[in-house]
Amino acid sequence: MNGTKLSRFVKDKRKMYHLTQVELSYRSGVGLRFVRDLEQGKPTLRMDKVNQVLKMFGAELGPVKMERGEL
């Protein structure tokens, strides 16, 4: 899978704080498999769990309003 901005953000922040994937999963309250899927850019992830991880880094994912015809 290709990395996304989100997956790169999480991986970069995790490394910046010197956390392993195991430590990040434990501290954020999500499973190790979820952290791995997130960092690999899996296209279908639960938004609430993504936000649990992002909260560790002072960030949050939310909906984006698209204007008509942007698709």
C-alpha atoms as a PDB file:
ATOM      1  CA  MET A   1       0.000   0.000   0.000  1.00  0.00           C
ATOM      2  CA  ASN A   2       1.147   3.505  -0.677  1.00  0.00           C
ATOM      3  CA  GLY A   3       1.803   5.832   2.219  1.00  0.00           C
ATOM      4  CA  THR A   4      -0.611   8.687   2.704  1.00  0.00           C
ATOM      5  CA  LYS A   5      -0.094  12.059   4.359  1.00  0.00           C
ATOM      6  CA  LEU A   6      -1.778  10.611   7.431  1.00  0.00           C
ATOM      7  CA  SER A   7       0.392   7.490   7.533  1.00  0.00           C
ATOM      8  CA  ARG A   8       3.580   9.524   7.064  1.00  0.00           C
ATOM      9  CA  PHE A   9       2.471  11.987   9.762  1.00  0.00           C
ATOM     10  CA  VAL A  10       1.890   9.222  12.307  1.00  0.00           C
ATOM     11  CA  LYS A  11       5.123   7.406  11.498  1.00  0.00           C
ATOM     12  CA  ASP A  12       7.182  10.616  11.556  1.00  0.00           C
ATOM     13  CA  LYS A  13       5.672  11.741  14.877  1.00  0.00           C
ATOM     14  CA  ARG A  14       6.144   8.297  16.409  1.00  0.00           C
ATOM     15  CA  LYS A  15       9.805   8.329  15.458  1.00  0.00           C
ATOM     16  CA  MET A  16      10.230  11.935  16.598  1.00  0.00           C
ATOM     17  CA  TYR A  17       9.039  10.904  20.067  1.00  0.00           C
ATOM     18  CA  HIS A  18      11.206   7.748  19.978  1.00  0.00           C
ATOM     19  CA  LEU A  19       8.245   5.391  20.281  1.00  0.00           C
ATOM     20  CA  THR A  20       8.008   1.895  18.885  1.00  0.00           C
ATOM     21  CA  GLN A  21       4.793   0.765  17.256  1.00  0.00           C
ATOM     22  CA  VAL A  22       4.141  -1.372  20.334  1.00  0.00           C
ATOM     23  CA  GLU A  23       4.572   1.621  22.663  1.00  0.00           C
ATOM     24  CA  LEU A  24       2.320   3.809  20.516  1.00  0.00           C
ATOM     25  CA  SER A  25      -0.400   1.167  20.429  1.00  0.00           C
ATOM     26  CA  TYR A  26      -0.247   0.721  24.206  1.00  0.00           C
ATOM     27  CA  ARG A  27      -0.206   4.440  25.016  1.00  0.00           C
ATOM     28  CA  SER A  28      -2.984   5.323  22.588  1.00  0.00           C
ATOM     29  CA  GLY A  29      -5.191   2.350  23.486  1.00  0.00           C
ATOM     30  CA  VAL A  30      -5.390   0.752  20.059  1.00  0.00           C
ATOM     31  CA  GLY A  31      -4.060  -2.580  18.869  1.00  0.00           C
ATOM     32  CA  LEU A  32      -0.635  -3.075  17.356  1.00  0.00           C
ATOM     33  CA  ARG A  33      -2.218  -4.298  14.116  1.00  0.00           C
ATOM     34  CA  PHE A  34      -4.151  -1.027  13.884  1.00  0.00           C
ATOM     35  CA  VAL A  35      -0.971   1.057  14.251  1.00  0.00           C
ATOM     36  CA  ARG A  36       0.713  -1.012  11.544  1.00  0.00           C
ATOM     37  CA  ASP A  37      -2.270  -0.650   9.207  1.00  0.00           C
ATOM     38  CA  LEU A  38      -2.388   3.094   9.862  1.00  0.00           C
ATOM     39  CA  GLU A  39       1.320   3.567   9.125  1.00  0.00           C
ATOM     40  CA  GLN A  40       1.013   1.491   5.962  1.00  0.00           C
ATOM     41  CA  GLY A  41      -1.804   3.663   4.643  1.00  0.00           C
ATOM     42  CA  LYS A  42      -4.662   1.153   4.806  1.00  0.00           C
ATOM     43  CA  PRO A  43      -7.591   2.942   3.125  1.00  0.00           C
ATOM     44  CA  THR A  44     -10.305   1.707   5.512  1.00  0.00           C
ATOM     45  CA  LEU A  45      -9.724   2.534   9.159  1.00  0.00           C
ATOM     46  CA  ARG A  46     -12.084   3.586  11.932  1.00  0.00           C
ATOM     47  CA  MET A  47     -11.946   7.339  12.360  1.00  0.00           C
ATOM     48  CA  ASP A  48     -12.420   7.152  16.131  1.00  0.00           C
ATOM     49  CA  LYS A  49      -9.378   4.902  16.471  1.00  0.00           C
ATOM     50  CA  VAL A  50      -7.335   7.098  14.130  1.00  0.00           C
ATOM     51  CA  ASN A  51      -8.174  10.021  16.408  1.00  0.00           C
ATOM     52  CA  GLN A  52      -7.094   8.031  19.474  1.00  0.00           C
ATOM     53  CA  VAL A  53      -3.637   7.767  17.912  1.00  0.00           C
ATOM     54  CA  LEU A  54      -3.561  11.348  16.634  1.00  0.00           C
ATOM     55  CA  LYS A  55      -4.500  12.658  20.086  1.00  0.00           C
ATOM     56  CA  MET A  56      -1.069  11.507  21.260  1.00  0.00           C
ATOM     57  CA  PHE A  57       0.433  14.123  18.948  1.00  0.00           C
ATOM     58  CA  GLY A  58      -2.069  16.924  19.544  1.00  0.00           C
ATOM     59  CA  ALA A  59      -3.873  16.369  16.238  1.00  0.00           C
ATOM     60  CA  GLU A  60      -7.355  15.312  15.154  1.00  0.00           C
ATOM     61  CA  LEU A  61      -8.916  14.041  11.949  1.00  0.00           C
ATOM     62  CA  GLY A  62     -12.263  15.463  10.921  1.00  0.00           C
ATOM     63  CA  PRO A  63     -14.594  15.670   7.952  1.00  0.00           C
ATOM     64  CA  VAL A  64     -13.753  17.976   5.090  1.00  0.00           C
ATOM     65  CA  LYS A  65     -16.468  19.927   3.337  1.00  0.00           C
ATOM     66  CA  MET A  66     -16.181  19.564  -0.406  1.00  0.00           C
ATOM     67  CA  GLU A  67     -17.633  22.055  -2.800  1.00  0.00           C
ATOM     68  CA  ARG A  68     -19.943  20.898  -5.537  1.00  0.00           C
ATOM     69  CA  GLY A  69     -18.077  19.408  -8.474  1.00  0.00           C
ATOM     70  CA  GLU A  70     -14.802  18.704  -6.626  1.00  0.00           C
ATOM     71  CA  LEU A  71     -15.021  14.962  -7.062  1.00  0.00           C
END
